Amino acid sequence: MKDLIAAALSGLCIVHCLALPVLLAVGSSGLLLGLFSSEWFHYLMLLPISALLAWSLPGGWCIHRNKLPFVLGISGFLLLVMALFAGHDAELPLSLAGGILLASAHLRNRVLLQRSMEMSHAAH
């Protein structure tokens, strides 16, 4: 379940990254848009992202022993951190790539965990 929550959070990050420039371009403004476009929102989003990453992927690796989800997750997280410090032109591509890698990591981790559980049940 935690991988699905983490993948959904990563998907929300991707939607945020894609929708915000469009909303800004068409001149939409308001309190909600101001909140989502502020810098602190990006820092705030890293808290649940990092917590779910640390909670989910290492534990998954202990069960299925596949490094791919962990490597994808760490790569995605590092891209999100880089996006915080990158210039304006690089922020969107880094954030999108990071969100996609994180979502992929959690979804792959979930598939591997389900396979491990199926093989464990079949062995008994």
PDB file of N, CA and C in Angstrom:
ATOM      1  N   MET A   1       0.807  -1.191   0.000  1.00  0.00           N
ATOM      2  CA  MET A   1       0.000   0.000   0.000  1.00  0.00           C
ATOM      3  C   MET A   1       0.858   1.265   0.000  1.00  0.00           C
ATOM      4  N   LYS A   2       1.980   1.220   0.762  1.00  0.00           N
ATOM      5  CA  LYS A   2       2.822   2.403   0.839  1.00  0.00           C
ATOM      6  C   LYS A   2       3.436   2.748  -0.512  1.00  0.00           C
ATOM      7  N   ASP A   3       3.710   1.727  -1.339  1.00  0.00           N
ATOM      8  CA  ASP A   3       4.239   2.013  -2.677  1.00  0.00           C
ATOM      9  C   ASP A   3       3.191   2.695  -3.545  1.00  0.00           C
ATOM     10  N   LEU A   4       1.930   2.320  -3.409  1.00  0.00           N
ATOM     11  CA  LEU A   4       0.868   2.978  -4.173  1.00  0.00           C
ATOM     12  C   LEU A   4       0.697   4.429  -3.730  1.00  0.00           C
ATOM     13  N   ILE A   5       0.777   4.663  -2.436  1.00  0.00           N
ATOM     14  CA  ILE A   5       0.687   6.039  -1.929  1.00  0.00           C
ATOM     15  C   ILE A   5       1.864   6.857  -2.451  1.00  0.00           C
ATOM     16  N   ALA A   6       3.046   6.271  -2.401  1.00  0.00           N
ATOM     17  CA  ALA A   6       4.242   6.981  -2.876  1.00  0.00           C
ATOM     18  C   ALA A   6       4.170   7.244  -4.378  1.00  0.00           C
ATOM     19  N   ALA A   7       3.689   6.280  -5.144  1.00  0.00           N
ATOM     20  CA  ALA A   7       3.548   6.479  -6.589  1.00  0.00           C
ATOM     21  C   ALA A   7       2.510   7.560  -6.880  1.00  0.00           C
ATOM     22  N   ALA A   8       1.425   7.577  -6.115  1.00  0.00           N
ATOM     23  CA  ALA A   8       0.404   8.617  -6.295  1.00  0.00           C
ATOM     24  C   ALA A   8       0.965   9.992  -5.945  1.00  0.00           C
ATOM     25  N   LEU A   9       1.763  10.063  -4.906  1.00  0.00           N
ATOM     26  CA  LEU A   9       2.403  11.328  -4.532  1.00  0.00           C
ATOM     27  C   LEU A   9       3.346  11.800  -5.631  1.00  0.00           C
ATOM     28  N   SER A  10       4.092  10.872  -6.217  1.00  0.00           N
ATOM     29  CA  SER A  10       4.975  11.220  -7.328  1.00  0.00           C
ATOM     30  C   SER A  10       4.166  11.682  -8.533  1.00  0.00           C
ATOM     31  N   GLY A  11       3.038  11.026  -8.771  1.00  0.00           N
ATOM     32  CA  GLY A  11       2.160  11.455  -9.861  1.00  0.00           C
ATOM     33  C   GLY A  11       1.600  12.839  -9.627  1.00  0.00           C
ATOM     34  N   LEU A  12       1.260  13.126  -8.379  1.00  0.00           N
ATOM     35  CA  LEU A  12       0.786  14.466  -8.021  1.00  0.00           C
ATOM     36  C   LEU A  12       1.875  15.505  -8.268  1.00  0.00           C
ATOM     37  N   CYS A  13       3.093  15.145  -7.986  1.00  0.00           N
ATOM     38  CA  CYS A  13       4.226  16.032  -8.242  1.00  0.00           C
ATOM     39  C   CYS A  13       4.352  16.309  -9.743  1.00  0.00           C
ATOM     40  N   ILE A  14       4.174  15.281 -10.555  1.00  0.00           N
ATOM     41  CA  ILE A  14       4.261  15.443 -12.010  1.00  0.00           C
ATOM     42  C   ILE A  14       3.147  16.357 -12.508  1.00  0.00           C
ATOM     43  N   VAL A  15       1.931  16.140 -12.017  1.00  0.00           N
ATOM     44  CA  VAL A  15       0.803  16.987 -12.406  1.00  0.00           C
ATOM     45  C   VAL A  15       1.069  18.432 -11.984  1.00  0.00           C
ATOM     46  N   HIS A  16       1.564  18.617 -10.790  1.00  0.00           N
ATOM     47  CA  HIS A  16       1.902  19.958 -10.304  1.00  0.00           C
ATOM     48  C   HIS A  16       2.907  20.622 -11.234  1.00  0.00           C
ATOM     49  N   CYS A  17       3.949  19.883 -11.603  1.00  0.00           N
ATOM     50  CA  CYS A  17       4.998  20.450 -12.465  1.00  0.00           C
ATOM     51  C   CYS A  17       4.470  20.817 -13.847  1.00  0.00           C
ATOM     52  N   LEU A  18       3.539  20.041 -14.360  1.00  0.00           N
ATOM     53  CA  LEU A  18       2.994  20.313 -15.687  1.00  0.00           C
ATOM     54  C   LEU A  18       1.906  21.374 -15.672  1.00  0.00           C
ATOM     55  N   ALA A  19       1.083  21.395 -14.638  1.00  0.00           N
ATOM     56  CA  ALA A  19      -0.055  22.312 -14.607  1.00  0.00           C
ATOM     57  C   ALA A  19       0.333  23.729 -14.199  1.00  0.00           C
ATOM     58  N   LEU A  20       1.292  23.858 -13.311  1.00  0.00           N
ATOM     59  CA  LEU A  20       1.638  25.177 -12.807  1.00  0.00           C
ATOM     60  C   LEU A  20       2.097  26.141 -13.906  1.00  0.00           C
ATOM     61  N   PRO A  21       3.006  25.740 -14.795  1.00  0.00           N
ATOM     62  CA  PRO A  21       3.397  26.678 -15.857  1.00  0.00           C
ATOM     63  C   PRO A  21       2.235  27.068 -16.771  1.00  0.00           C
ATOM     64  N   VAL A  22       1.334  26.130 -17.022  1.00  0.00           N
ATOM     65  CA  VAL A  22       0.172  26.426 -17.870  1.00  0.00           C
ATOM     66  C   VAL A  22      -0.724  27.454 -17.181  1.00  0.00           C
ATOM     67  N   LEU A  23      -0.977  27.241 -15.899  1.00  0.00           N
ATOM     68  CA  LEU A  23      -1.817  28.183 -15.152  1.00  0.00           C
ATOM     69  C   LEU A  23      -1.168  29.566 -15.071  1.00  0.00           C
ATOM     70  N   LEU A  24       0.122  29.593 -14.888  1.00  0.00           N
ATOM     71  CA  LEU A  24       0.818  30.875 -14.849  1.00  0.00           C
ATOM     72  C   LEU A  24       0.786  31.562 -16.215  1.00  0.00           C
ATOM     73  N   ALA A  25       0.885  30.780 -17.274  1.00  0.00           N
ATOM     74  CA  ALA A  25       0.904  31.344 -18.629  1.00  0.00           C
ATOM     75  C   ALA A  25      -0.437  31.965 -19.013  1.00  0.00           C
ATOM     76  N   VAL A  26      -1.524  31.374 -18.559  1.00  0.00           N
ATOM     77  CA  VAL A  26      -2.832  31.913 -18.918  1.00  0.00           C
ATOM     78  C   VAL A  26      -3.295  33.006 -17.959  1.00  0.00           C
ATOM     79  N   GLY A  27      -2.448  33.332 -17.009  1.00  0.00           N
ATOM     80  CA  GLY A  27      -2.734  34.466 -16.142  1.00  0.00           C
ATOM     81  C   GLY A  27      -3.601  34.150 -14.943  1.00  0.00           C
ATOM     82  N   SER A  28      -3.813  32.882 -14.656  1.00  0.00           N
ATOM     83  CA  SER A  28      -4.588  32.539 -13.462  1.00  0.00           C
ATOM     84  C   SER A  28      -3.785  32.933 -12.235  1.00  0.00           C
ATOM     85  N   SER A  29      -4.467  33.515 -11.309  1.00  0.00           N
ATOM     86  CA  SER A  29      -3.795  33.858 -10.062  1.00  0.00           C
ATOM     87  C   SER A  29      -4.758  33.610  -8.923  1.00  0.00           C
ATOM     88  N   GLY A  30      -4.271  33.730  -7.759  1.00  0.00           N
ATOM     89  CA  GLY A  30      -5.098  33.524  -6.584  1.00  0.00           C
ATOM     90  C   GLY A  30      -4.281  32.901  -5.492  1.00  0.00           C
ATOM     91  N   LEU A  31      -4.917  32.716  -4.365  1.00  0.00           N
ATOM     92  CA  LEU A  31      -4.222  32.192  -3.202  1.00  0.00           C
ATOM     93  C   LEU A  31      -3.700  30.782  -3.443  1.00  0.00           C
ATOM     94  N   LEU A  32      -4.537  29.901  -3.993  1.00  0.00           N
ATOM     95  CA  LEU A  32      -4.127  28.519  -4.207  1.00  0.00           C
ATOM     96  C   LEU A  32      -2.947  28.432  -5.155  1.00  0.00           C
ATOM     97  N   LEU A  33      -2.991  29.170  -6.256  1.00  0.00           N
ATOM     98  CA  LEU A  33      -1.880  29.155  -7.200  1.00  0.00           C
ATOM     99  C   LEU A  33      -0.621  29.723  -6.550  1.00  0.00           C
ATOM    100  N   GLY A  34      -0.774  30.751  -5.751  1.00  0.00           N
ATOM    101  CA  GLY A  34       0.367  31.334  -5.052  1.00  0.00           C
ATOM    102  C   GLY A  34       1.015  30.354  -4.089  1.00  0.00           C
ATOM    103  N   LEU A  35       0.188  29.556  -3.414  1.00  0.00           N
ATOM    104  CA  LEU A  35       0.726  28.562  -2.488  1.00  0.00           C
ATOM    105  C   LEU A  35       1.512  27.484  -3.218  1.00  0.00           C
ATOM    106  N   PHE A  36       0.955  26.983  -4.320  1.00  0.00           N
ATOM    107  CA  PHE A  36       1.604  25.900  -5.042  1.00  0.00           C
ATOM    108  C   PHE A  36       2.827  26.353  -5.820  1.00  0.00           C
ATOM    109  N   SER A  37       2.927  27.622  -6.108  1.00  0.00           N
ATOM    110  CA  SER A  37       4.082  28.090  -6.862  1.00  0.00           C
ATOM    111  C   SER A  37       5.204  28.580  -5.963  1.00  0.00           C
ATOM    112  N   SER A  38       4.948  28.678  -4.668  1.00  0.00           N
ATOM    113  CA  SER A  38       5.988  29.186  -3.784  1.00  0.00           C
ATOM    114  C   SER A  38       7.061  28.126  -3.537  1.00  0.00           C
ATOM    115  N   GLU A  39       8.241  28.609  -3.210  1.00  0.00           N
ATOM    116  CA  GLU A  39       9.404  27.733  -3.034  1.00  0.00           C
ATOM    117  C   GLU A  39       9.238  26.775  -1.855  1.00  0.00           C
ATOM    118  N   TRP A  40       8.585  27.218  -0.789  1.00  0.00           N
ATOM    119  CA  TRP A  40       8.448  26.360   0.383  1.00  0.00           C
ATOM    120  C   TRP A  40       7.622  25.116   0.085  1.00  0.00           C
ATOM    121  N   PHE A  41       6.709  25.215  -0.904  1.00  0.00           N
ATOM    122  CA  PHE A  41       5.897  24.054  -1.257  1.00  0.00           C
ATOM    123  C   PHE A  41       6.782  22.902  -1.743  1.00  0.00           C
ATOM    124  N   HIS A  42       7.820  23.236  -2.501  1.00  0.00           N
ATOM    125  CA  HIS A  42       8.736  22.202  -2.999  1.00  0.00           C
ATOM    126  C   HIS A  42       9.513  21.553  -1.850  1.00  0.00           C
ATOM    127  N   TYR A  43       9.944  22.362  -0.905  1.00  0.00           N
ATOM    128  CA  TYR A  43      10.628  21.807   0.261  1.00  0.00           C
ATOM    129  C   TYR A  43       9.674  20.947   1.084  1.00  0.00           C
ATOM    130  N   LEU A  44       8.440  21.412   1.233  1.00  0.00           N
ATOM    131  CA  LEU A  44       7.444  20.672   1.993  1.00  0.00           C
ATOM    132  C   LEU A  44       7.141  19.316   1.346  1.00  0.00           C
ATOM    133  N   MET A  45       7.087  19.268   0.036  1.00  0.00           N
ATOM    134  CA  MET A  45       6.808  18.014  -0.675  1.00  0.00           C
ATOM    135  C   MET A  45       7.930  16.997  -0.491  1.00  0.00           C
ATOM    136  N   LEU A  46       9.157  17.470  -0.281  1.00  0.00           N
ATOM    137  CA  LEU A  46      10.268  16.539  -0.102  1.00  0.00           C
ATOM    138  C   LEU A  46      10.156  15.743   1.199  1.00  0.00           C
ATOM    139  N   LEU A  47       9.435  16.272   2.179  1.00  0.00           N
ATOM    140  CA  LEU A  47       9.290  15.541   3.450  1.00  0.00           C
ATOM    141  C   LEU A  47       8.566  14.209   3.275  1.00  0.00           C
ATOM    142  N   PRO A  48       7.342  14.185   2.747  1.00  0.00           N
ATOM    143  CA  PRO A  48       6.691  12.876   2.584  1.00  0.00           C
ATOM    144  C   PRO A  48       7.372  12.011   1.528  1.00  0.00           C
ATOM    145  N   ILE A  49       7.950  12.657   0.515  1.00  0.00           N
ATOM    146  CA  ILE A  49       8.642  11.881  -0.523  1.00  0.00           C
ATOM    147  C   ILE A  49       9.822  11.129   0.089  1.00  0.00           C
ATOM    148  N   SER A  50      10.629  11.833   0.871  1.00  0.00           N
ATOM    149  CA  SER A  50      11.798  11.183   1.466  1.00  0.00           C
ATOM    150  C   SER A  50      11.382  10.149   2.506  1.00  0.00           C
ATOM    151  N   ALA A  51      10.326  10.425   3.268  1.00  0.00           N
ATOM    152  CA  ALA A  51       9.863   9.462   4.269  1.00  0.00           C
ATOM    153  C   ALA A  51       9.362   8.177   3.615  1.00  0.00           C
ATOM    154  N   LEU A  52       8.565   8.308   2.562  1.00  0.00           N
ATOM    155  CA  LEU A  52       8.061   7.119   1.872  1.00  0.00           C
ATOM    156  C   LEU A  52       9.181   6.362   1.167  1.00  0.00           C
ATOM    157  N   LEU A  53      10.139   7.083   0.640  1.00  0.00           N
ATOM    158  CA  LEU A  53      11.289   6.451  -0.005  1.00  0.00           C
ATOM    159  C   LEU A  53      12.070   5.622   1.008  1.00  0.00           C
ATOM    160  N   ALA A  54      12.355   6.213   2.158  1.00  0.00           N
ATOM    161  CA  ALA A  54      13.120   5.515   3.198  1.00  0.00           C
ATOM    162  C   ALA A  54      12.331   4.366   3.827  1.00  0.00           C
ATOM    163  N   TRP A  55      11.021   4.486   3.872  1.00  0.00           N
ATOM    164  CA  TRP A  55      10.176   3.469   4.496  1.00  0.00           C
ATOM    165  C   TRP A  55       9.934   2.286   3.563  1.00  0.00           C
ATOM    166  N   SER A  56       9.826   2.544   2.288  1.00  0.00           N
ATOM    167  CA  SER A  56       9.377   1.530   1.356  1.00  0.00           C
ATOM    168  C   SER A  56      10.508   0.764   0.663  1.00  0.00           C
ATOM    169  N   LEU A  57      11.395   1.467   0.015  1.00  0.00           N
ATOM    170  CA  LEU A  57      12.337   0.802  -0.884  1.00  0.00           C
ATOM    171  C   LEU A  57      13.397  -0.059  -0.201  1.00  0.00           C
ATOM    172  N   PRO A  58      14.025   0.379   0.888  1.00  0.00           N
ATOM    173  CA  PRO A  58      14.996  -0.520   1.524  1.00  0.00           C
ATOM    174  C   PRO A  58      14.351  -1.808   2.046  1.00  0.00           C
ATOM    175  N   GLY A  59      13.155  -1.686   2.612  1.00  0.00           N
ATOM    176  CA  GLY A  59      12.447  -2.877   3.078  1.00  0.00           C
ATOM    177  C   GLY A  59      12.085  -3.814   1.941  1.00  0.00           C
ATOM    178  N   GLY A  60      11.714  -3.232   0.800  1.00  0.00           N
ATOM    179  CA  GLY A  60      11.423  -4.057  -0.370  1.00  0.00           C
ATOM    180  C   GLY A  60      12.644  -4.808  -0.845  1.00  0.00           C
ATOM    181  N   TRP A  61      13.777  -4.125  -0.840  1.00  0.00           N
ATOM    182  CA  TRP A  61      15.012  -4.771  -1.280  1.00  0.00           C
ATOM    183  C   TRP A  61      15.355  -5.954  -0.388  1.00  0.00           C
ATOM    184  N   CYS A  62      15.113  -5.834   0.909  1.00  0.00           N
ATOM    185  CA  CYS A  62      15.403  -6.936   1.831  1.00  0.00           C
ATOM    186  C   CYS A  62      14.578  -8.174   1.493  1.00  0.00           C
ATOM    187  N   ILE A  63      13.424  -7.974   0.892  1.00  0.00           N
ATOM    188  CA  ILE A  63      12.560  -9.101   0.542  1.00  0.00           C
ATOM    189  C   ILE A  63      12.880  -9.642  -0.845  1.00  0.00           C
ATOM    190  N   HIS A  64      12.905  -8.774  -1.856  1.00  0.00           N
ATOM    191  CA  HIS A  64      13.057  -9.270  -3.228  1.00  0.00           C
ATOM    192  C   HIS A  64      14.480  -9.210  -3.764  1.00  0.00           C
ATOM    193  N   ARG A  65      15.380  -8.510  -3.113  1.00  0.00           N
ATOM    194  CA  ARG A  65      16.806  -8.425  -3.475  1.00  0.00           C
ATOM    195  C   ARG A  65      17.069  -7.872  -4.868  1.00  0.00           C
ATOM    196  N   ASN A  66      16.158  -7.063  -5.366  1.00  0.00           N
ATOM    197  CA  ASN A  66      16.339  -6.414  -6.661  1.00  0.00           C
ATOM    198  C   ASN A  66      16.691  -4.951  -6.410  1.00  0.00           C
ATOM    199  N   LYS A  67      17.825  -4.524  -6.927  1.00  0.00           N
ATOM    200  CA  LYS A  67      18.320  -3.171  -6.662  1.00  0.00           C
ATOM    201  C   LYS A  67      17.647  -2.097  -7.515  1.00  0.00           C
ATOM    202  N   LEU A  68      16.978  -2.481  -8.576  1.00  0.00           N
ATOM    203  CA  LEU A  68      16.421  -1.500  -9.511  1.00  0.00           C
ATOM    204  C   LEU A  68      15.493  -0.478  -8.848  1.00  0.00           C
ATOM    205  N   PRO A  69      14.509  -0.879  -8.038  1.00  0.00           N
ATOM    206  CA  PRO A  69      13.649   0.136  -7.416  1.00  0.00           C
ATOM    207  C   PRO A  69      14.431   1.124  -6.548  1.00  0.00           C
ATOM    208  N   PHE A  70      15.406   0.622  -5.814  1.00  0.00           N
ATOM    209  CA  PHE A  70      16.199   1.491  -4.955  1.00  0.00           C
ATOM    210  C   PHE A  70      17.021   2.480  -5.779  1.00  0.00           C
ATOM    211  N   VAL A  71      17.639   1.998  -6.854  1.00  0.00           N
ATOM    212  CA  VAL A  71      18.442   2.868  -7.715  1.00  0.00           C
ATOM    213  C   VAL A  71      17.550   3.911  -8.398  1.00  0.00           C
ATOM    214  N   LEU A  72      16.395   3.493  -8.903  1.00  0.00           N
ATOM    215  CA  LEU A  72      15.456   4.442  -9.517  1.00  0.00           C
ATOM    216  C   LEU A  72      14.977   5.476  -8.496  1.00  0.00           C
ATOM    217  N   GLY A  73      14.649   5.015  -7.303  1.00  0.00           N
ATOM    218  CA  GLY A  73      14.141   5.910  -6.271  1.00  0.00           C
ATOM    219  C   GLY A  73      15.171   6.934  -5.819  1.00  0.00           C
ATOM    220  N   ILE A  74      16.375   6.492  -5.566  1.00  0.00           N
ATOM    221  CA  ILE A  74      17.435   7.420  -5.153  1.00  0.00           C
ATOM    222  C   ILE A  74      17.740   8.399  -6.277  1.00  0.00           C
ATOM    223  N   SER A  75      17.776   7.913  -7.515  1.00  0.00           N
ATOM    224  CA  SER A  75      18.030   8.797  -8.665  1.00  0.00           C
ATOM    225  C   SER A  75      16.936   9.853  -8.787  1.00  0.00           C
ATOM    226  N   GLY A  76      15.683   9.434  -8.657  1.00  0.00           N
ATOM    227  CA  GLY A  76      14.569  10.371  -8.736  1.00  0.00           C
ATOM    228  C   GLY A  76      14.607  11.396  -7.617  1.00  0.00           C
ATOM    229  N   PHE A  77      14.899  10.938  -6.422  1.00  0.00           N
ATOM    230  CA  PHE A  77      14.981  11.853  -5.282  1.00  0.00           C
ATOM    231  C   PHE A  77      16.103  12.874  -5.477  1.00  0.00           C
ATOM    232  N   LEU A  78      17.243  12.417  -5.943  1.00  0.00           N
ATOM    233  CA  LEU A  78      18.363  13.338  -6.182  1.00  0.00           C
ATOM    234  C   LEU A  78      18.029  14.360  -7.265  1.00  0.00           C
ATOM    235  N   LEU A  79      17.292  13.941  -8.285  1.00  0.00           N
ATOM    236  CA  LEU A  79      16.868  14.893  -9.312  1.00  0.00           C
ATOM    237  C   LEU A  79      15.927  15.950  -8.729  1.00  0.00           C
ATOM    238  N   LEU A  80      15.041  15.543  -7.824  1.00  0.00           N
ATOM    239  CA  LEU A  80      14.145  16.518  -7.181  1.00  0.00           C
ATOM    240  C   LEU A  80      14.931  17.504  -6.322  1.00  0.00           C
ATOM    241  N   VAL A  81      15.927  17.004  -5.620  1.00  0.00           N
ATOM    242  CA  VAL A  81      16.763  17.899  -4.810  1.00  0.00           C
ATOM    243  C   VAL A  81      17.546  18.841  -5.713  1.00  0.00           C
ATOM    244  N   MET A  82      18.083  18.316  -6.819  1.00  0.00           N
ATOM    245  CA  MET A  82      18.810  19.166  -7.772  1.00  0.00           C
ATOM    246  C   MET A  82      17.895  20.238  -8.340  1.00  0.00           C
ATOM    247  N   ALA A  83      16.633  19.901  -8.565  1.00  0.00           N
ATOM    248  CA  ALA A  83      15.681  20.865  -9.124  1.00  0.00           C
ATOM    249  C   ALA A  83      15.480  22.063  -8.191  1.00  0.00           C
ATOM    250  N   LEU A  84      15.606  21.828  -6.892  1.00  0.00           N
ATOM    251  CA  LEU A  84      15.455  22.930  -5.934  1.00  0.00           C
ATOM    252  C   LEU A  84      16.551  23.978  -6.101  1.00  0.00           C
ATOM    253  N   PHE A  85      17.722  23.538  -6.506  1.00  0.00           N
ATOM    254  CA  PHE A  85      18.868  24.439  -6.586  1.00  0.00           C
ATOM    255  C   PHE A  85      19.239  24.807  -8.013  1.00  0.00           C
ATOM    256  N   ALA A  86      18.543  24.217  -8.975  1.00  0.00           N
ATOM    257  CA  ALA A  86      18.836  24.485 -10.383  1.00  0.00           C
ATOM    258  C   ALA A  86      18.220  25.815 -10.802  1.00  0.00           C
ATOM    259  N   GLY A  87      18.679  26.302 -11.915  1.00  0.00           N
ATOM    260  CA  GLY A  87      18.096  27.508 -12.477  1.00  0.00           C
ATOM    261  C   GLY A  87      16.675  27.255 -12.936  1.00  0.00           C
ATOM    262  N   HIS A  88      15.972  28.328 -13.224  1.00  0.00           N
ATOM    263  CA  HIS A  88      14.562  28.244 -13.592  1.00  0.00           C
ATOM    264  C   HIS A  88      14.335  27.344 -14.813  1.00  0.00           C
ATOM    265  N   ASP A  89      15.218  27.404 -15.787  1.00  0.00           N
ATOM    266  CA  ASP A  89      15.050  26.603 -17.009  1.00  0.00           C
ATOM    267  C   ASP A  89      15.205  25.107 -16.754  1.00  0.00           C
ATOM    268  N   ALA A  90      16.015  24.741 -15.784  1.00  0.00           N
ATOM    269  CA  ALA A  90      16.268  23.323 -15.516  1.00  0.00           C
ATOM    270  C   ALA A  90      15.317  22.733 -14.484  1.00  0.00           C
ATOM    271  N   GLU A  91      14.599  23.563 -13.758  1.00  0.00           N
ATOM    272  CA  GLU A  91      13.760  23.076 -12.666  1.00  0.00           C
ATOM    273  C   GLU A  91      12.662  22.121 -13.143  1.00  0.00           C
ATOM    274  N   LEU A  92      11.947  22.492 -14.178  1.00  0.00           N
ATOM    275  CA  LEU A  92      10.842  21.656 -14.662  1.00  0.00           C
ATOM    276  C   LEU A  92      11.318  20.300 -15.177  1.00  0.00           C
ATOM    277  N   PRO A  93      12.313  20.247 -16.088  1.00  0.00           N
ATOM    278  CA  PRO A  93      12.735  18.924 -16.563  1.00  0.00           C
ATOM    279  C   PRO A  93      13.301  18.040 -15.457  1.00  0.00           C
ATOM    280  N   LEU A  94      14.047  18.629 -14.526  1.00  0.00           N
ATOM    281  CA  LEU A  94      14.590  17.838 -13.423  1.00  0.00           C
ATOM    282  C   LEU A  94      13.475  17.315 -12.522  1.00  0.00           C
ATOM    283  N   SER A  95      12.498  18.151 -12.232  1.00  0.00           N
ATOM    284  CA  SER A  95      11.379  17.733 -11.383  1.00  0.00           C
ATOM    285  C   SER A  95      10.542  16.651 -12.056  1.00  0.00           C
ATOM    286  N   LEU A  96      10.267  16.812 -13.332  1.00  0.00           N
ATOM    287  CA  LEU A  96       9.487  15.799 -14.052  1.00  0.00           C
ATOM    288  C   LEU A  96      10.224  14.466 -14.096  1.00  0.00           C
ATOM    289  N   ALA A  97      11.505  14.515 -14.441  1.00  0.00           N
ATOM    290  CA  ALA A  97      12.294  13.279 -14.496  1.00  0.00           C
ATOM    291  C   ALA A  97      12.360  12.631 -13.117  1.00  0.00           C
ATOM    292  N   GLY A  98      12.549  13.432 -12.076  1.00  0.00           N
ATOM    293  CA  GLY A  98      12.589  12.888 -10.721  1.00  0.00           C
ATOM    294  C   GLY A  98      11.276  12.249 -10.312  1.00  0.00           C
ATOM    295  N   GLY A  99      10.163  12.910 -10.611  1.00  0.00           N
ATOM    296  CA  GLY A  99       8.853  12.355 -10.277  1.00  0.00           C
ATOM    297  C   GLY A  99       8.562  11.061 -11.020  1.00  0.00           C
ATOM    298  N   ILE A 100       8.932  11.021 -12.283  1.00  0.00           N
ATOM    299  CA  ILE A 100       8.719   9.800 -13.081  1.00  0.00           C
ATOM    300  C   ILE A 100       9.566   8.649 -12.547  1.00  0.00           C
ATOM    301  N   LEU A 101      10.824   8.935 -12.225  1.00  0.00           N
ATOM    302  CA  LEU A 101      11.690   7.885 -11.673  1.00  0.00           C
ATOM    303  C   LEU A 101      11.177   7.388 -10.326  1.00  0.00           C
ATOM    304  N   LEU A 102      10.714   8.297  -9.483  1.00  0.00           N
ATOM    305  CA  LEU A 102      10.180   7.875  -8.181  1.00  0.00           C
ATOM    306  C   LEU A 102       8.922   7.031  -8.326  1.00  0.00           C
ATOM    307  N   ALA A 103       8.017   7.455  -9.171  1.00  0.00           N
ATOM    308  CA  ALA A 103       6.796   6.665  -9.393  1.00  0.00           C
ATOM    309  C   ALA A 103       7.157   5.289  -9.947  1.00  0.00           C
ATOM    310  N   SER A 104       8.076   5.243 -10.894  1.00  0.00           N
ATOM    311  CA  SER A 104       8.514   3.963 -11.469  1.00  0.00           C
ATOM    312  C   SER A 104       9.143   3.071 -10.407  1.00  0.00           C
ATOM    313  N   ALA A 105       9.946   3.660  -9.538  1.00  0.00           N
ATOM    314  CA  ALA A 105      10.601   2.889  -8.485  1.00  0.00           C
ATOM    315  C   ALA A 105       9.575   2.236  -7.565  1.00  0.00           C
ATOM    316  N   HIS A 106       8.590   3.002  -7.143  1.00  0.00           N
ATOM    317  CA  HIS A 106       7.596   2.456  -6.219  1.00  0.00           C
ATOM    318  C   HIS A 106       6.694   1.420  -6.886  1.00  0.00           C
ATOM    319  N   LEU A 107       6.326   1.660  -8.128  1.00  0.00           N
ATOM    320  CA  LEU A 107       5.490   0.681  -8.832  1.00  0.00           C
ATOM    321  C   LEU A 107       6.260  -0.610  -9.092  1.00  0.00           C
ATOM    322  N   ARG A 108       7.527  -0.493  -9.454  1.00  0.00           N
ATOM    323  CA  ARG A 108       8.360  -1.682  -9.682  1.00  0.00           C
ATOM    324  C   ARG A 108       8.557  -2.435  -8.364  1.00  0.00           C
ATOM    325  N   ASN A 109       8.792  -1.701  -7.293  1.00  0.00           N
ATOM    326  CA  ASN A 109       8.955  -2.316  -5.981  1.00  0.00           C
ATOM    327  C   ASN A 109       7.703  -3.108  -5.605  1.00  0.00           C
ATOM    328  N   ARG A 110       6.543  -2.534  -5.884  1.00  0.00           N
ATOM    329  CA  ARG A 110       5.284  -3.209  -5.564  1.00  0.00           C
ATOM    330  C   ARG A 110       5.138  -4.507  -6.354  1.00  0.00           C
ATOM    331  N   VAL A 111       5.456  -4.458  -7.635  1.00  0.00           N
ATOM    332  CA  VAL A 111       5.368  -5.671  -8.467  1.00  0.00           C
ATOM    333  C   VAL A 111       6.314  -6.750  -7.937  1.00  0.00           C
ATOM    334  N   LEU A 112       7.532  -6.369  -7.615  1.00  0.00           N
ATOM    335  CA  LEU A 112       8.511  -7.335  -7.102  1.00  0.00           C
ATOM    336  C   LEU A 112       8.085  -7.914  -5.754  1.00  0.00           C
ATOM    337  N   LEU A 113       7.506  -7.083  -4.901  1.00  0.00           N
ATOM    338  CA  LEU A 113       7.024  -7.586  -3.615  1.00  0.00           C
ATOM    339  C   LEU A 113       5.864  -8.557  -3.798  1.00  0.00           C
ATOM    340  N   GLN A 114       4.956  -8.245  -4.723  1.00  0.00           N
ATOM    341  CA  GLN A 114       3.831  -9.151  -4.984  1.00  0.00           C
ATOM    342  C   GLN A 114       4.335 -10.484  -5.532  1.00  0.00           C
ATOM    343  N   ARG A 115       5.311 -10.441  -6.435  1.00  0.00           N
ATOM    344  CA  ARG A 115       5.885 -11.685  -6.969  1.00  0.00           C
ATOM    345  C   ARG A 115       6.542 -12.499  -5.867  1.00  0.00           C
ATOM    346  N   SER A 116       7.252 -11.827  -4.978  1.00  0.00           N
ATOM    347  CA  SER A 116       7.912 -12.525  -3.870  1.00  0.00           C
ATOM    348  C   SER A 116       6.884 -13.199  -2.973  1.00  0.00           C
ATOM    349  N   MET A 117       5.790 -12.505  -2.704  1.00  0.00           N
ATOM    350  CA  MET A 117       4.738 -13.082  -1.867  1.00  0.00           C
ATOM    351  C   MET A 117       4.097 -14.274  -2.558  1.00  0.00           C
ATOM    352  N   GLU A 118       3.868 -14.173  -3.870  1.00  0.00           N
ATOM    353  CA  GLU A 118       3.268 -15.288  -4.613  1.00  0.00           C
ATOM    354  C   GLU A 118       4.185 -16.504  -4.596  1.00  0.00           C
ATOM    355  N   MET A 119       5.479 -16.268  -4.787  1.00  0.00           N
ATOM    356  CA  MET A 119       6.432 -17.390  -4.777  1.00  0.00           C
ATOM    357  C   MET A 119       6.538 -17.996  -3.388  1.00  0.00           C
ATOM    358  N   SER A 120       6.432 -17.158  -2.364  1.00  0.00           N
ATOM    359  CA  SER A 120       6.480 -17.652  -0.991  1.00  0.00           C
ATOM    360  C   SER A 120       5.256 -18.506  -0.673  1.00  0.00           C
ATOM    361  N   HIS A 121       4.084 -18.076  -1.126  1.00  0.00           N
ATOM    362  CA  HIS A 121       2.861 -18.855  -0.902  1.00  0.00           C
ATOM    363  C   HIS A 121       2.867 -20.138  -1.708  1.00  0.00           C
ATOM    364  N   ALA A 122       3.420 -20.087  -2.900  1.00  0.00           N
ATOM    365  CA  ALA A 122       3.471 -21.295  -3.741  1.00  0.00           C
ATOM    366  C   ALA A 122       4.420 -22.337  -3.149  1.00  0.00           C
ATOM    367  N   ALA A 123       5.453 -21.873  -2.449  1.00  0.00           N
ATOM    368  CA  ALA A 123       6.426 -22.796  -1.861  1.00  0.00           C
ATOM    369  C   ALA A 123       5.855 -23.522  -0.651  1.00  0.00           C
ATOM    370  N   HIS A 124       4.817 -22.962  -0.039  1.00  0.00           N
ATOM    371  CA  HIS A 124       4.247 -23.595   1.158  1.00  0.00           C
ATOM    372  C   HIS A 124       3.143 -24.476   0.771  1.00  0.00           C
TER     373      HIS A 124
END
